[in-house]
Amino acid sequence: GDVKYLAAIGSVVGLRGCVGVLVLGATLGAVVGLGLIASGKGSGKTALPFGTFLALAVILWLYLPASWLAWSPL
């Protein structure tokens, strides 16, 4: 499911954007996962749907100013 979703995202944002969205989505997922573990509401085995973070990442990728995304070497 997530691979097809990422392919659809890539058709909108291109290859560079697709890789950026993947990295940004993984970072967002890691931050939320670590937050759940730190708050005691989750563990290392808690499953989080990755598509949610991909959706948020593509929204951020499309609407953040390009200068915010300049850190990306892609």
PDB file of N, CA and C in Angstrom:
ATOM      1  N   GLY A   1       0.799  -1.196   0.000  1.00  0.00           N
ATOM      2  CA  GLY A   1       0.000   0.000   0.000  1.00  0.00           C
ATOM      3  C   GLY A   1       0.839   1.255   0.000  1.00  0.00           C
ATOM      4  N   ASP A   2       1.847   1.317   0.870  1.00  0.00           N
ATOM      5  CA  ASP A   2       2.656   2.532   0.978  1.00  0.00           C
ATOM      6  C   ASP A   2       3.520   2.751  -0.259  1.00  0.00           C
ATOM      7  N   VAL A   3       3.943   1.675  -0.912  1.00  0.00           N
ATOM      8  CA  VAL A   3       4.767   1.814  -2.119  1.00  0.00           C
ATOM      9  C   VAL A   3       3.939   2.436  -3.238  1.00  0.00           C
ATOM     10  N   LYS A   4       2.705   1.986  -3.390  1.00  0.00           N
ATOM     11  CA  LYS A   4       1.822   2.567  -4.407  1.00  0.00           C
ATOM     12  C   LYS A   4       1.500   4.017  -4.066  1.00  0.00           C
ATOM     13  N   TYR A   5       1.312   4.288  -2.798  1.00  0.00           N
ATOM     14  CA  TYR A   5       1.041   5.652  -2.348  1.00  0.00           C
ATOM     15  C   TYR A   5       2.233   6.554  -2.651  1.00  0.00           C
ATOM     16  N   LEU A   6       3.436   6.060  -2.406  1.00  0.00           N
ATOM     17  CA  LEU A   6       4.640   6.833  -2.685  1.00  0.00           C
ATOM     18  C   LEU A   6       4.813   7.039  -4.187  1.00  0.00           C
ATOM     19  N   ALA A   7       4.436   6.060  -5.001  1.00  0.00           N
ATOM     20  CA  ALA A   7       4.492   6.220  -6.456  1.00  0.00           C
ATOM     21  C   ALA A   7       3.531   7.316  -6.913  1.00  0.00           C
ATOM     22  N   ALA A   8       2.350   7.361  -6.317  1.00  0.00           N
ATOM     23  CA  ALA A   8       1.393   8.416  -6.649  1.00  0.00           C
ATOM     24  C   ALA A   8       1.926   9.778  -6.225  1.00  0.00           C
ATOM     25  N   ILE A   9       2.557   9.835  -5.072  1.00  0.00           N
ATOM     26  CA  ILE A   9       3.162  11.082  -4.608  1.00  0.00           C
ATOM     27  C   ILE A   9       4.263  11.504  -5.573  1.00  0.00           C
ATOM     28  N   GLY A  10       5.068  10.544  -6.023  1.00  0.00           N
ATOM     29  CA  GLY A  10       6.145  10.839  -6.960  1.00  0.00           C
ATOM     30  C   GLY A  10       5.641  11.390  -8.274  1.00  0.00           C
ATOM     31  N   SER A  11       4.453  10.983  -8.701  1.00  0.00           N
ATOM     32  CA  SER A  11       3.906  11.520  -9.945  1.00  0.00           C
ATOM     33  C   SER A  11       3.521  12.988  -9.803  1.00  0.00           C
ATOM     34  N   VAL A  12       3.341  13.440  -8.575  1.00  0.00           N
ATOM     35  CA  VAL A  12       2.994  14.839  -8.331  1.00  0.00           C
ATOM     36  C   VAL A  12       4.238  15.680  -8.066  1.00  0.00           C
ATOM     37  N   VAL A  13       5.146  15.185  -7.238  1.00  0.00           N
ATOM     38  CA  VAL A  13       6.288  15.999  -6.809  1.00  0.00           C
ATOM     39  C   VAL A  13       7.586  15.654  -7.524  1.00  0.00           C
ATOM     40  N   GLY A  14       7.615  14.615  -8.335  1.00  0.00           N
ATOM     41  CA  GLY A  14       8.824  14.243  -9.060  1.00  0.00           C
ATOM     42  C   GLY A  14       9.744  13.369  -8.221  1.00  0.00           C
ATOM     43  N   LEU A  15      10.847  12.944  -8.843  1.00  0.00           N
ATOM     44  CA  LEU A  15      11.774  12.035  -8.171  1.00  0.00           C
ATOM     45  C   LEU A  15      12.438  12.691  -6.968  1.00  0.00           C
ATOM     46  N   ARG A  16      12.936  13.920  -7.142  1.00  0.00           N
ATOM     47  CA  ARG A  16      13.577  14.625  -6.024  1.00  0.00           C
ATOM     48  C   ARG A  16      12.596  14.799  -4.869  1.00  0.00           C
ATOM     49  N   GLY A  17      11.389  15.205  -5.185  1.00  0.00           N
ATOM     50  CA  GLY A  17      10.377  15.396  -4.161  1.00  0.00           C
ATOM     51  C   GLY A  17       9.963  14.096  -3.507  1.00  0.00           C
ATOM     52  N   CYS A  18       9.943  13.020  -4.283  1.00  0.00           N
ATOM     53  CA  CYS A  18       9.558  11.714  -3.746  1.00  0.00           C
ATOM     54  C   CYS A  18      10.555  11.250  -2.685  1.00  0.00           C
ATOM     55  N   VAL A  19      11.829  11.408  -2.986  1.00  0.00           N
ATOM     56  CA  VAL A  19      12.855  11.032  -2.008  1.00  0.00           C
ATOM     57  C   VAL A  19      12.778  11.952  -0.795  1.00  0.00           C
ATOM     58  N   GLY A  20      12.579  13.238  -1.021  1.00  0.00           N
ATOM     59  CA  GLY A  20      12.447  14.182   0.084  1.00  0.00           C
ATOM     60  C   GLY A  20      11.250  13.883   0.962  1.00  0.00           C
ATOM     61  N   VAL A  21      10.132  13.535   0.347  1.00  0.00           N
ATOM     62  CA  VAL A  21       8.925  13.186   1.101  1.00  0.00           C
ATOM     63  C   VAL A  21       9.154  11.914   1.904  1.00  0.00           C
ATOM     64  N   LEU A  22       9.846  10.955   1.318  1.00  0.00           N
ATOM     65  CA  LEU A  22      10.139   9.708   2.030  1.00  0.00           C
ATOM     66  C   LEU A  22      10.995   9.976   3.266  1.00  0.00           C
ATOM     67  N   VAL A  23      12.029  10.795   3.115  1.00  0.00           N
ATOM     68  CA  VAL A  23      12.901  11.127   4.251  1.00  0.00           C
ATOM     69  C   VAL A  23      12.130  11.929   5.295  1.00  0.00           C
ATOM     70  N   LEU A  24      11.362  12.903   4.844  1.00  0.00           N
ATOM     71  CA  LEU A  24      10.590  13.731   5.771  1.00  0.00           C
ATOM     72  C   LEU A  24       9.527  12.904   6.493  1.00  0.00           C
ATOM     73  N   GLY A  25       8.862  12.004   5.778  1.00  0.00           N
ATOM     74  CA  GLY A  25       7.856  11.139   6.398  1.00  0.00           C
ATOM     75  C   GLY A  25       8.460  10.205   7.430  1.00  0.00           C
ATOM     76  N   ALA A  26       9.625   9.641   7.106  1.00  0.00           N
ATOM     77  CA  ALA A  26      10.299   8.758   8.061  1.00  0.00           C
ATOM     78  C   ALA A  26      10.730   9.534   9.300  1.00  0.00           C
ATOM     79  N   THR A  27      11.192  10.763   9.101  1.00  0.00           N
ATOM     80  CA  THR A  27      11.595  11.598  10.237  1.00  0.00           C
ATOM     81  C   THR A  27      10.391  11.927  11.118  1.00  0.00           C
ATOM     82  N   LEU A  28       9.287  12.299  10.497  1.00  0.00           N
ATOM     83  CA  LEU A  28       8.072  12.593  11.268  1.00  0.00           C
ATOM     84  C   LEU A  28       7.596  11.365  12.032  1.00  0.00           C
ATOM     85  N   GLY A  29       7.619  10.214  11.383  1.00  0.00           N
ATOM     86  CA  GLY A  29       7.216   8.973  12.045  1.00  0.00           C
ATOM     87  C   GLY A  29       8.109   8.634  13.219  1.00  0.00           C
ATOM     88  N   ALA A  30       9.411   8.854  13.051  1.00  0.00           N
ATOM     89  CA  ALA A  30      10.352   8.575  14.137  1.00  0.00           C
ATOM     90  C   ALA A  30      10.116   9.510  15.318  1.00  0.00           C
ATOM     91  N   VAL A  31       9.859  10.780  15.030  1.00  0.00           N
ATOM     92  CA  VAL A  31       9.615  11.746  16.106  1.00  0.00           C
ATOM     93  C   VAL A  31       8.348  11.373  16.877  1.00  0.00           C
ATOM     94  N   VAL A  32       7.292  11.022  16.162  1.00  0.00           N
ATOM     95  CA  VAL A  32       6.042  10.634  16.828  1.00  0.00           C
ATOM     96  C   VAL A  32       6.240   9.337  17.609  1.00  0.00           C
ATOM     97  N   GLY A  33       6.922   8.371  17.011  1.00  0.00           N
ATOM     98  CA  GLY A  33       7.178   7.104  17.700  1.00  0.00           C
ATOM     99  C   GLY A  33       7.990   7.288  18.967  1.00  0.00           C
ATOM    100  N   LEU A  34       9.030   8.103  18.881  1.00  0.00           N
ATOM    101  CA  LEU A  34       9.838   8.374  20.078  1.00  0.00           C
ATOM    102  C   LEU A  34       9.032   9.130  21.129  1.00  0.00           C
ATOM    103  N   GLY A  35       8.146  10.022  20.671  1.00  0.00           N
ATOM    104  CA  GLY A  35       7.273  10.731  21.609  1.00  0.00           C
ATOM    105  C   GLY A  35       6.329   9.788  22.334  1.00  0.00           C
ATOM    106  N   LEU A  36       5.795   8.809  21.614  1.00  0.00           N
ATOM    107  CA  LEU A  36       4.914   7.821  22.247  1.00  0.00           C
ATOM    108  C   LEU A  36       5.675   6.969  23.256  1.00  0.00           C
ATOM    109  N   ILE A  37       6.890   6.582  22.900  1.00  0.00           N
ATOM    110  CA  ILE A  37       7.700   5.782  23.823  1.00  0.00           C
ATOM    111  C   ILE A  37       8.059   6.598  25.061  1.00  0.00           C
ATOM    112  N   ALA A  38       8.450   7.854  24.855  1.00  0.00           N
ATOM    113  CA  ALA A  38       8.841   8.706  25.982  1.00  0.00           C
ATOM    114  C   ALA A  38       7.665   8.987  26.914  1.00  0.00           C
ATOM    115  N   SER A  39       6.461   9.090  26.353  1.00  0.00           N
ATOM    116  CA  SER A  39       5.298   9.377  27.192  1.00  0.00           C
ATOM    117  C   SER A  39       4.720   8.122  27.841  1.00  0.00           C
ATOM    118  N   GLY A  40       5.243   6.959  27.479  1.00  0.00           N
ATOM    119  CA  GLY A  40       4.763   5.716  28.059  1.00  0.00           C
ATOM    120  C   GLY A  40       3.517   5.163  27.387  1.00  0.00           C
ATOM    121  N   LYS A  41       3.083   5.785  26.298  1.00  0.00           N
ATOM    122  CA  LYS A  41       1.871   5.338  25.611  1.00  0.00           C
ATOM    123  C   LYS A  41       2.162   4.353  24.489  1.00  0.00           C
ATOM    124  N   GLY A  42       3.413   4.061  24.264  1.00  0.00           N
ATOM    125  CA  GLY A  42       3.783   3.134  23.205  1.00  0.00           C
ATOM    126  C   GLY A  42       5.047   2.396  23.572  1.00  0.00           C
ATOM    127  N   SER A  43       5.376   1.412  22.763  1.00  0.00           N
ATOM    128  CA  SER A  43       6.616   0.672  22.960  1.00  0.00           C
ATOM    129  C   SER A  43       7.306   0.560  21.606  1.00  0.00           C
ATOM    130  N   GLY A  44       8.419  -0.112  21.584  1.00  0.00           N
ATOM    131  CA  GLY A  44       9.144  -0.301  20.336  1.00  0.00           C
ATOM    132  C   GLY A  44       8.386  -1.152  19.336  1.00  0.00           C
ATOM    133  N   LYS A  45       7.369  -1.845  19.797  1.00  0.00           N
ATOM    134  CA  LYS A  45       6.580  -2.717  18.915  1.00  0.00           C
ATOM    135  C   LYS A  45       5.244  -2.094  18.518  1.00  0.00           C
ATOM    136  N   THR A  46       5.007  -0.857  18.907  1.00  0.00           N
ATOM    137  CA  THR A  46       3.768  -0.182  18.544  1.00  0.00           C
ATOM    138  C   THR A  46       3.779   0.128  17.052  1.00  0.00           C
ATOM    139  N   ALA A  47       2.751  -0.328  16.352  1.00  0.00           N
ATOM    140  CA  ALA A  47       2.663  -0.103  14.907  1.00  0.00           C
ATOM    141  C   ALA A  47       2.014   1.251  14.624  1.00  0.00           C
ATOM    142  N   LEU A  48       2.649   2.019  13.758  1.00  0.00           N
ATOM    143  CA  LEU A  48       2.101   3.294  13.316  1.00  0.00           C
ATOM    144  C   LEU A  48       1.915   3.237  11.803  1.00  0.00           C
ATOM    145  N   PRO A  49       0.778   3.689  11.289  1.00  0.00           N
ATOM    146  CA  PRO A  49       0.581   3.673   9.839  1.00  0.00           C
ATOM    147  C   PRO A  49       1.475   4.716   9.164  1.00  0.00           C
ATOM    148  N   PHE A  50       2.317   4.264   8.243  1.00  0.00           N
ATOM    149  CA  PHE A  50       3.289   5.142   7.602  1.00  0.00           C
ATOM    150  C   PHE A  50       2.631   6.095   6.612  1.00  0.00           C
ATOM    151  N   GLY A  51       1.505   5.708   6.043  1.00  0.00           N
ATOM    152  CA  GLY A  51       0.822   6.560   5.072  1.00  0.00           C
ATOM    153  C   GLY A  51       0.423   7.907   5.649  1.00  0.00           C
ATOM    154  N   THR A  52       0.090   7.931   6.921  1.00  0.00           N
ATOM    155  CA  THR A  52      -0.264   9.183   7.590  1.00  0.00           C
ATOM    156  C   THR A  52       0.900  10.156   7.560  1.00  0.00           C
ATOM    157  N   PHE A  53       2.086   9.657   7.828  1.00  0.00           N
ATOM    158  CA  PHE A  53       3.270  10.510   7.849  1.00  0.00           C
ATOM    159  C   PHE A  53       3.690  10.909   6.438  1.00  0.00           C
ATOM    160  N   LEU A  54       3.463  10.037   5.465  1.00  0.00           N
ATOM    161  CA  LEU A  54       3.725  10.400   4.072  1.00  0.00           C
ATOM    162  C   LEU A  54       2.789  11.522   3.626  1.00  0.00           C
ATOM    163  N   ALA A  55       1.523  11.446   4.031  1.00  0.00           N
ATOM    164  CA  ALA A  55       0.557  12.484   3.669  1.00  0.00           C
ATOM    165  C   ALA A  55       0.960  13.827   4.267  1.00  0.00           C
ATOM    166  N   LEU A  56       1.335  13.830   5.534  1.00  0.00           N
ATOM    167  CA  LEU A  56       1.777  15.070   6.164  1.00  0.00           C
ATOM    168  C   LEU A  56       3.058  15.580   5.512  1.00  0.00           C
ATOM    169  N   ALA A  57       3.963  14.675   5.178  1.00  0.00           N
ATOM    170  CA  ALA A  57       5.226  15.073   4.559  1.00  0.00           C
ATOM    171  C   ALA A  57       5.009  15.690   3.184  1.00  0.00           C
ATOM    172  N   VAL A  58       4.093  15.137   2.396  1.00  0.00           N
ATOM    173  CA  VAL A  58       3.863  15.711   1.067  1.00  0.00           C
ATOM    174  C   VAL A  58       3.202  17.081   1.175  1.00  0.00           C
ATOM    175  N   ILE A  59       2.346  17.268   2.159  1.00  0.00           N
ATOM    176  CA  ILE A  59       1.749  18.590   2.372  1.00  0.00           C
ATOM    177  C   ILE A  59       2.831  19.592   2.759  1.00  0.00           C
ATOM    178  N   LEU A  60       3.710  19.203   3.672  1.00  0.00           N
ATOM    179  CA  LEU A  60       4.809  20.090   4.055  1.00  0.00           C
ATOM    180  C   LEU A  60       5.715  20.375   2.867  1.00  0.00           C
ATOM    181  N   TRP A  61       6.013  19.342   2.069  1.00  0.00           N
ATOM    182  CA  TRP A  61       6.904  19.502   0.912  1.00  0.00           C
ATOM    183  C   TRP A  61       6.319  20.496  -0.097  1.00  0.00           C
ATOM    184  N   LEU A  62       5.015  20.445  -0.287  1.00  0.00           N
ATOM    185  CA  LEU A  62       4.382  21.310  -1.276  1.00  0.00           C
ATOM    186  C   LEU A  62       4.196  22.741  -0.790  1.00  0.00           C
ATOM    187  N   TYR A  63       4.002  22.940   0.504  1.00  0.00           N
ATOM    188  CA  TYR A  63       3.630  24.260   0.987  1.00  0.00           C
ATOM    189  C   TYR A  63       4.697  25.000   1.780  1.00  0.00           C
ATOM    190  N   LEU A  64       5.756  24.320   2.192  1.00  0.00           N
ATOM    191  CA  LEU A  64       6.822  25.042   2.880  1.00  0.00           C
ATOM    192  C   LEU A  64       7.626  25.843   1.871  1.00  0.00           C
ATOM    193  N   PRO A  65       8.145  26.990   2.274  1.00  0.00           N
ATOM    194  CA  PRO A  65       9.002  27.752   1.367  1.00  0.00           C
ATOM    195  C   PRO A  65      10.226  26.927   0.978  1.00  0.00           C
ATOM    196  N   ALA A  66      10.702  27.133  -0.229  1.00  0.00           N
ATOM    197  CA  ALA A  66      11.844  26.366  -0.735  1.00  0.00           C
ATOM    198  C   ALA A  66      13.072  26.542   0.154  1.00  0.00           C
ATOM    199  N   SER A  67      13.204  27.683   0.810  1.00  0.00           N
ATOM    200  CA  SER A  67      14.368  27.912   1.670  1.00  0.00           C
ATOM    201  C   SER A  67      14.364  26.977   2.876  1.00  0.00           C
ATOM    202  N   TRP A  68      13.196  26.538   3.327  1.00  0.00           N
ATOM    203  CA  TRP A  68      13.117  25.599   4.447  1.00  0.00           C
ATOM    204  C   TRP A  68      13.599  24.223   4.041  1.00  0.00           C
ATOM    205  N   LEU A  69      13.467  23.924   2.767  1.00  0.00           N
ATOM    206  CA  LEU A  69      13.857  22.612   2.271  1.00  0.00           C
ATOM    207  C   LEU A  69      15.254  22.625   1.664  1.00  0.00           C
ATOM    208  N   ALA A  70      15.972  23.723   1.796  1.00  0.00           N
ATOM    209  CA  ALA A  70      17.298  23.850   1.193  1.00  0.00           C
ATOM    210  C   ALA A  70      18.312  22.923   1.849  1.00  0.00           C
ATOM    211  N   TRP A  71      18.027  22.398   3.027  1.00  0.00           N
ATOM    212  CA  TRP A  71      18.947  21.478   3.703  1.00  0.00           C
ATOM    213  C   TRP A  71      19.080  20.178   2.944  1.00  0.00           C
ATOM    214  N   SER A  72      18.103  19.878   2.108  1.00  0.00           N
ATOM    215  CA  SER A  72      18.092  18.600   1.402  1.00  0.00           C
ATOM    216  C   SER A  72      19.128  18.586   0.284  1.00  0.00           C
ATOM    217  N   PRO A  73      20.035  17.627   0.302  1.00  0.00           N
ATOM    218  CA  PRO A  73      21.039  17.558  -0.769  1.00  0.00           C
ATOM    219  C   PRO A  73      20.496  16.915  -2.037  1.00  0.00           C
ATOM    220  N   LEU A  74      19.206  16.623  -2.088  1.00  0.00           N
ATOM    221  CA  LEU A  74      18.614  15.917  -3.231  1.00  0.00           C
ATOM    222  C   LEU A  74      18.334  16.858  -4.376  1.00  0.00           C
TER     223      LEU A  74
END
